[in-house]
């Protein structure tokens, strides 16, 4: 069995419901059958409001989010980090060395000066 690279749980997603117009008429106007899923870490979003059933819209919205370009790019990035054996936090820590950080302060004349 392949090793798991990305582990996601329900806590990694934001699920929103909303009233959706469209087929279903009056029922659509009274119930929150539209569903949106957001994965904040990647910025991926999926939304569905086509069906009268919230459950069907939920399945489609999640699938759209999971198959989005942003989600695929995020997973690829996680895979690259995994192959290098580094987390994003470790990479940022490596980049935060004094020789790579530029500090500027505002001088008395209002101009920015390298500190």
N, C-alpha and C. Protein backbone atom coordinates (compact mmCIF):
# COMPACT_ATOMS: atom_id res chain seq x y z
N UNK A 1 0.84 -1.18 0.00
CA UNK A 1 0.00 0.00 0.00
C UNK A 1 0.89 1.25 0.00
N UNK A 2 0.58 2.24 -0.86
CA UNK A 2 1.41 3.44 -0.92
C UNK A 2 1.34 4.25 0.37
N UNK A 3 2.41 4.98 0.64
CA UNK A 3 2.47 5.81 1.84
C UNK A 3 1.62 7.07 1.64
N UNK A 4 0.93 7.44 2.69
CA UNK A 4 0.07 8.62 2.63
C UNK A 4 0.91 9.88 2.67
N UNK A 5 0.67 10.77 1.72
CA UNK A 5 1.42 12.02 1.65
C UNK A 5 0.63 13.15 2.30
N UNK A 6 -0.66 13.20 2.05
CA UNK A 6 -1.52 14.25 2.56
C UNK A 6 -2.62 13.60 3.39
N UNK A 7 -2.82 14.11 4.58
CA UNK A 7 -3.88 13.61 5.45
C UNK A 7 -4.83 14.76 5.74
N UNK A 8 -6.07 14.63 5.30
CA UNK A 8 -7.07 15.68 5.49
C UNK A 8 -8.23 15.15 6.32
N UNK A 9 -8.79 16.00 7.16
CA UNK A 9 -9.97 15.66 7.93
C UNK A 9 -11.03 16.74 7.71
N UNK A 10 -12.19 16.55 8.28
CA UNK A 10 -13.26 17.54 8.14
C UNK A 10 -12.84 18.91 8.64
N UNK A 11 -11.94 18.94 9.61
CA UNK A 11 -11.48 20.20 10.18
C UNK A 11 -10.69 21.04 9.17
N UNK A 12 -10.22 20.40 8.10
CA UNK A 12 -9.43 21.10 7.09
C UNK A 12 -10.30 21.84 6.08
N UNK A 13 -11.61 21.66 6.16
CA UNK A 13 -12.53 22.25 5.19
C UNK A 13 -13.56 23.13 5.87
N UNK A 14 -14.04 24.10 5.14
CA UNK A 14 -15.16 24.93 5.60
C UNK A 14 -16.35 24.55 4.73
N UNK A 15 -17.45 24.19 5.39
CA UNK A 15 -18.68 23.83 4.67
C UNK A 15 -19.71 24.92 4.92
N UNK A 16 -20.26 25.46 3.84
CA UNK A 16 -21.26 26.51 3.95
C UNK A 16 -22.51 26.08 3.19
N UNK A 17 -23.66 26.44 3.73
CA UNK A 17 -24.92 26.20 3.03
C UNK A 17 -25.58 27.55 2.77
N UNK A 18 -26.36 27.60 1.71
CA UNK A 18 -27.02 28.85 1.35
C UNK A 18 -28.27 28.53 0.54
N UNK A 19 -29.16 29.49 0.47
CA UNK A 19 -30.36 29.33 -0.34
C UNK A 19 -29.98 29.48 -1.80
N UNK A 20 -30.48 28.58 -2.59
CA UNK A 20 -30.11 28.57 -4.00
C UNK A 20 -31.35 28.67 -4.87
N UNK A 21 -31.31 29.54 -5.84
CA UNK A 21 -32.40 29.62 -6.81
C UNK A 21 -32.23 28.53 -7.85
N UNK A 22 -33.11 28.51 -8.80
CA UNK A 22 -32.98 27.52 -9.86
C UNK A 22 -34.10 26.52 -9.80
N UNK A 23 -33.91 25.34 -10.41
CA UNK A 23 -34.99 24.36 -10.44
C UNK A 23 -35.34 23.94 -9.02
N UNK A 24 -36.60 23.68 -8.81
CA UNK A 24 -37.07 23.39 -7.47
C UNK A 24 -37.99 24.49 -7.00
N UNK A 25 -37.90 25.64 -7.66
CA UNK A 25 -38.81 26.75 -7.43
C UNK A 25 -38.93 27.16 -5.99
N UNK A 26 -40.15 27.07 -5.46
CA UNK A 26 -40.43 27.57 -4.12
C UNK A 26 -39.62 26.83 -3.06
N UNK A 27 -39.41 25.53 -3.23
CA UNK A 27 -38.63 24.76 -2.25
C UNK A 27 -37.21 25.32 -2.17
N UNK A 28 -36.61 25.66 -3.30
CA UNK A 28 -35.26 26.23 -3.32
C UNK A 28 -35.21 27.54 -2.55
N UNK A 29 -36.28 28.33 -2.64
CA UNK A 29 -36.30 29.63 -1.97
C UNK A 29 -36.47 29.52 -0.47
N UNK A 30 -36.94 28.37 0.03
CA UNK A 30 -37.20 28.21 1.46
C UNK A 30 -36.14 27.40 2.20
N UNK A 31 -35.37 26.63 1.47
CA UNK A 31 -34.37 25.78 2.13
C UNK A 31 -32.96 26.15 1.68
N UNK A 32 -32.01 25.86 2.53
CA UNK A 32 -30.61 26.12 2.21
C UNK A 32 -30.02 24.87 1.57
N UNK A 33 -30.33 24.69 0.30
CA UNK A 33 -29.88 23.47 -0.37
C UNK A 33 -28.56 23.65 -1.11
N UNK A 34 -28.15 24.88 -1.34
CA UNK A 34 -26.86 25.11 -1.97
C UNK A 34 -25.73 24.83 -0.99
N UNK A 35 -24.64 24.25 -1.48
CA UNK A 35 -23.51 23.89 -0.61
C UNK A 35 -22.21 24.37 -1.24
N UNK A 36 -21.33 24.88 -0.39
CA UNK A 36 -20.00 25.33 -0.82
C UNK A 36 -18.97 24.72 0.13
N UNK A 37 -17.91 24.17 -0.44
CA UNK A 37 -16.78 23.68 0.35
C UNK A 37 -15.57 24.54 0.02
N UNK A 38 -14.81 24.88 1.06
CA UNK A 38 -13.59 25.67 0.89
C UNK A 38 -12.47 24.96 1.65
N UNK A 39 -11.32 24.85 1.01
CA UNK A 39 -10.12 24.32 1.66
C UNK A 39 -9.17 25.50 1.82
N UNK A 40 -9.17 26.13 3.02
CA UNK A 40 -8.39 27.36 3.22
C UNK A 40 -6.90 27.24 2.90
N UNK A 41 -6.30 26.10 3.17
CA UNK A 41 -4.86 25.96 2.94
C UNK A 41 -4.49 26.11 1.46
N UNK A 42 -5.37 25.66 0.58
CA UNK A 42 -5.07 25.74 -0.85
C UNK A 42 -5.85 26.84 -1.55
N UNK A 43 -6.92 27.29 -0.94
CA UNK A 43 -7.79 28.26 -1.60
C UNK A 43 -8.79 27.61 -2.54
N UNK A 44 -8.82 26.27 -2.56
CA UNK A 44 -9.74 25.54 -3.44
C UNK A 44 -11.18 25.71 -2.96
N UNK A 45 -12.08 25.83 -3.93
CA UNK A 45 -13.50 26.00 -3.62
C UNK A 45 -14.32 25.12 -4.55
N UNK A 46 -15.43 24.64 -4.04
CA UNK A 46 -16.38 23.90 -4.85
C UNK A 46 -17.77 24.27 -4.41
N UNK A 47 -18.65 24.46 -5.36
CA UNK A 47 -20.00 24.91 -5.04
C UNK A 47 -20.99 24.18 -5.92
N UNK A 48 -22.16 23.88 -5.37
CA UNK A 48 -23.22 23.27 -6.17
C UNK A 48 -24.56 23.73 -5.63
N UNK A 49 -25.44 24.04 -6.57
CA UNK A 49 -26.79 24.47 -6.22
C UNK A 49 -27.81 23.92 -7.21
N UNK A 50 -27.37 22.99 -8.07
CA UNK A 50 -28.25 22.52 -9.13
C UNK A 50 -29.40 21.63 -8.66
N UNK A 51 -29.16 20.85 -7.63
CA UNK A 51 -30.17 19.88 -7.18
C UNK A 51 -31.02 20.43 -6.05
N UNK A 52 -32.19 19.83 -5.86
CA UNK A 52 -33.06 20.23 -4.75
C UNK A 52 -32.55 19.65 -3.44
N UNK A 53 -31.82 18.56 -3.52
CA UNK A 53 -31.32 17.88 -2.33
C UNK A 53 -29.98 18.46 -1.87
N UNK A 54 -29.90 18.84 -0.61
CA UNK A 54 -28.65 19.36 -0.06
C UNK A 54 -27.57 18.28 -0.10
N UNK A 55 -27.97 17.04 0.16
CA UNK A 55 -26.99 15.94 0.16
C UNK A 55 -26.34 15.76 -1.22
N UNK A 56 -27.15 15.82 -2.28
CA UNK A 56 -26.58 15.68 -3.63
C UNK A 56 -25.68 16.88 -3.96
N UNK A 57 -26.12 18.07 -3.59
CA UNK A 57 -25.30 19.25 -3.82
C UNK A 57 -24.00 19.18 -3.05
N UNK A 58 -24.06 18.64 -1.83
CA UNK A 58 -22.86 18.50 -1.00
C UNK A 58 -21.83 17.59 -1.68
N UNK A 59 -22.29 16.47 -2.21
CA UNK A 59 -21.38 15.53 -2.87
C UNK A 59 -20.72 16.18 -4.09
N UNK A 60 -21.53 16.86 -4.88
CA UNK A 60 -20.99 17.50 -6.08
C UNK A 60 -20.04 18.64 -5.73
N UNK A 61 -20.39 19.44 -4.73
CA UNK A 61 -19.54 20.56 -4.33
C UNK A 61 -18.19 20.06 -3.84
N UNK A 62 -18.20 19.00 -3.04
CA UNK A 62 -16.94 18.46 -2.52
C UNK A 62 -16.09 17.93 -3.67
N UNK A 63 -16.72 17.22 -4.59
CA UNK A 63 -15.98 16.68 -5.73
C UNK A 63 -15.37 17.81 -6.56
N UNK A 64 -16.12 18.87 -6.80
CA UNK A 64 -15.60 20.00 -7.58
C UNK A 64 -14.41 20.63 -6.89
N UNK A 65 -14.49 20.77 -5.57
CA UNK A 65 -13.37 21.34 -4.83
C UNK A 65 -12.15 20.42 -4.92
N UNK A 66 -12.37 19.12 -4.71
CA UNK A 66 -11.28 18.15 -4.71
C UNK A 66 -10.60 18.05 -6.07
N UNK A 67 -11.35 18.28 -7.14
CA UNK A 67 -10.80 18.17 -8.49
C UNK A 67 -10.33 19.50 -9.06
N UNK A 68 -10.40 20.56 -8.26
CA UNK A 68 -10.03 21.89 -8.76
C UNK A 68 -8.52 22.00 -8.99
N UNK A 69 -8.14 22.93 -9.81
CA UNK A 69 -6.72 23.17 -10.12
C UNK A 69 -5.97 23.57 -8.85
N UNK A 70 -6.57 24.44 -8.03
CA UNK A 70 -5.90 24.88 -6.81
C UNK A 70 -5.62 23.72 -5.88
N UNK A 71 -6.56 22.80 -5.74
CA UNK A 71 -6.35 21.65 -4.86
C UNK A 71 -5.26 20.75 -5.43
N UNK A 72 -5.28 20.54 -6.72
CA UNK A 72 -4.25 19.69 -7.35
C UNK A 72 -2.86 20.30 -7.18
N UNK A 73 -2.78 21.61 -7.33
CA UNK A 73 -1.48 22.28 -7.16
C UNK A 73 -1.01 22.17 -5.70
N UNK A 74 -1.93 22.32 -4.76
CA UNK A 74 -1.58 22.22 -3.34
C UNK A 74 -1.08 20.82 -3.02
N UNK A 75 -1.76 19.81 -3.53
CA UNK A 75 -1.35 18.42 -3.29
C UNK A 75 0.03 18.17 -3.91
N UNK A 76 0.26 18.69 -5.11
CA UNK A 76 1.57 18.52 -5.75
C UNK A 76 2.66 19.18 -4.91
N UNK A 77 2.36 20.35 -4.35
CA UNK A 77 3.33 21.05 -3.49
C UNK A 77 3.62 20.23 -2.23
N UNK A 78 2.57 19.66 -1.64
CA UNK A 78 2.76 18.82 -0.46
C UNK A 78 3.61 17.60 -0.80
N UNK A 79 3.38 17.05 -1.98
CA UNK A 79 4.15 15.88 -2.42
C UNK A 79 5.62 16.24 -2.59
N UNK A 80 5.90 17.39 -3.18
CA UNK A 80 7.29 17.83 -3.35
C UNK A 80 7.97 18.02 -2.00
N UNK A 81 7.27 18.64 -1.07
CA UNK A 81 7.84 18.82 0.27
C UNK A 81 8.10 17.48 0.94
N UNK A 82 7.19 16.57 0.77
CA UNK A 82 7.34 15.23 1.36
C UNK A 82 8.55 14.52 0.78
N UNK A 83 8.73 14.64 -0.55
CA UNK A 83 9.89 14.00 -1.19
C UNK A 83 11.21 14.59 -0.68
N UNK A 84 11.20 15.90 -0.39
CA UNK A 84 12.41 16.55 0.13
C UNK A 84 12.57 16.31 1.63
N UNK A 85 11.52 15.79 2.24
CA UNK A 85 11.57 15.53 3.68
C UNK A 85 11.41 16.78 4.52
N UNK A 86 10.77 17.80 3.95
CA UNK A 86 10.62 19.06 4.67
C UNK A 86 9.16 19.47 4.72
N UNK A 87 8.82 20.14 5.80
CA UNK A 87 7.50 20.76 5.88
C UNK A 87 7.64 22.21 5.41
N UNK A 88 6.53 22.84 5.15
CA UNK A 88 6.56 24.24 4.74
C UNK A 88 7.19 25.09 5.84
N UNK A 89 6.87 24.77 7.09
CA UNK A 89 7.43 25.51 8.21
C UNK A 89 8.96 25.40 8.23
N UNK A 90 9.48 24.21 7.94
CA UNK A 90 10.93 24.03 7.92
C UNK A 90 11.57 24.84 6.78
N UNK A 91 10.91 24.87 5.63
CA UNK A 91 11.45 25.64 4.51
C UNK A 91 11.48 27.13 4.83
N UNK A 92 10.42 27.62 5.45
CA UNK A 92 10.37 29.04 5.83
C UNK A 92 11.47 29.34 6.84
N UNK A 93 11.65 28.45 7.80
CA UNK A 93 12.70 28.64 8.82
C UNK A 93 14.08 28.73 8.17
N UNK A 94 14.32 27.89 7.16
CA UNK A 94 15.60 27.92 6.46
C UNK A 94 15.80 29.23 5.70
N UNK A 95 14.71 29.80 5.19
CA UNK A 95 14.81 31.05 4.44
C UNK A 95 14.98 32.26 5.35
N UNK A 96 14.66 32.13 6.61
CA UNK A 96 14.71 33.26 7.54
C UNK A 96 16.07 33.40 8.20
N UNK A 97 17.12 33.37 7.43
CA UNK A 97 18.46 33.57 7.97
C UNK A 97 18.83 35.04 7.80
N UNK A 98 19.70 35.57 8.68
CA UNK A 98 20.05 36.99 8.62
C UNK A 98 20.56 37.45 7.26
N UNK A 99 21.26 36.59 6.55
CA UNK A 99 21.80 37.01 5.26
C UNK A 99 20.73 37.12 4.17
N UNK A 100 19.54 36.57 4.42
CA UNK A 100 18.47 36.61 3.43
C UNK A 100 17.35 37.58 3.80
N UNK A 101 17.48 38.23 4.94
CA UNK A 101 16.44 39.15 5.39
C UNK A 101 16.93 40.58 5.19
N UNK A 102 16.11 41.39 4.55
CA UNK A 102 16.43 42.79 4.31
C UNK A 102 15.61 43.63 5.29
N UNK A 103 16.27 44.42 6.08
CA UNK A 103 15.60 45.27 7.05
C UNK A 103 15.75 46.71 6.59
N UNK A 104 14.62 47.42 6.53
CA UNK A 104 14.65 48.84 6.18
C UNK A 104 13.94 49.62 7.27
N UNK A 105 14.47 50.77 7.57
CA UNK A 105 13.86 51.65 8.56
C UNK A 105 13.67 53.02 7.92
N UNK A 106 12.67 53.74 8.43
CA UNK A 106 12.43 55.07 7.89
C UNK A 106 13.34 56.07 8.60
N UNK A 107 14.12 56.78 7.82
CA UNK A 107 15.03 57.79 8.35
C UNK A 107 14.29 59.05 8.76
N UNK A 108 15.02 59.97 9.34
CA UNK A 108 14.44 61.23 9.81
C UNK A 108 13.87 62.06 8.67
N UNK A 109 14.43 61.87 7.46
CA UNK A 109 13.95 62.63 6.29
C UNK A 109 12.75 61.97 5.62
N UNK A 110 12.27 60.84 6.20
CA UNK A 110 11.11 60.15 5.63
C UNK A 110 11.45 59.15 4.56
N UNK A 111 12.72 58.96 4.28
CA UNK A 111 13.16 58.00 3.27
C UNK A 111 13.49 56.67 3.95
N UNK A 112 13.27 55.59 3.22
CA UNK A 112 13.59 54.26 3.75
C UNK A 112 15.08 54.00 3.57
N UNK A 113 15.71 53.52 4.64
CA UNK A 113 17.14 53.25 4.64
C UNK A 113 17.35 51.83 5.10
N UNK A 114 18.27 51.14 4.44
CA UNK A 114 18.57 49.76 4.88
C UNK A 114 19.27 49.80 6.22
N UNK A 115 18.77 48.99 7.14
CA UNK A 115 19.31 48.98 8.50
C UNK A 115 20.35 47.93 8.72
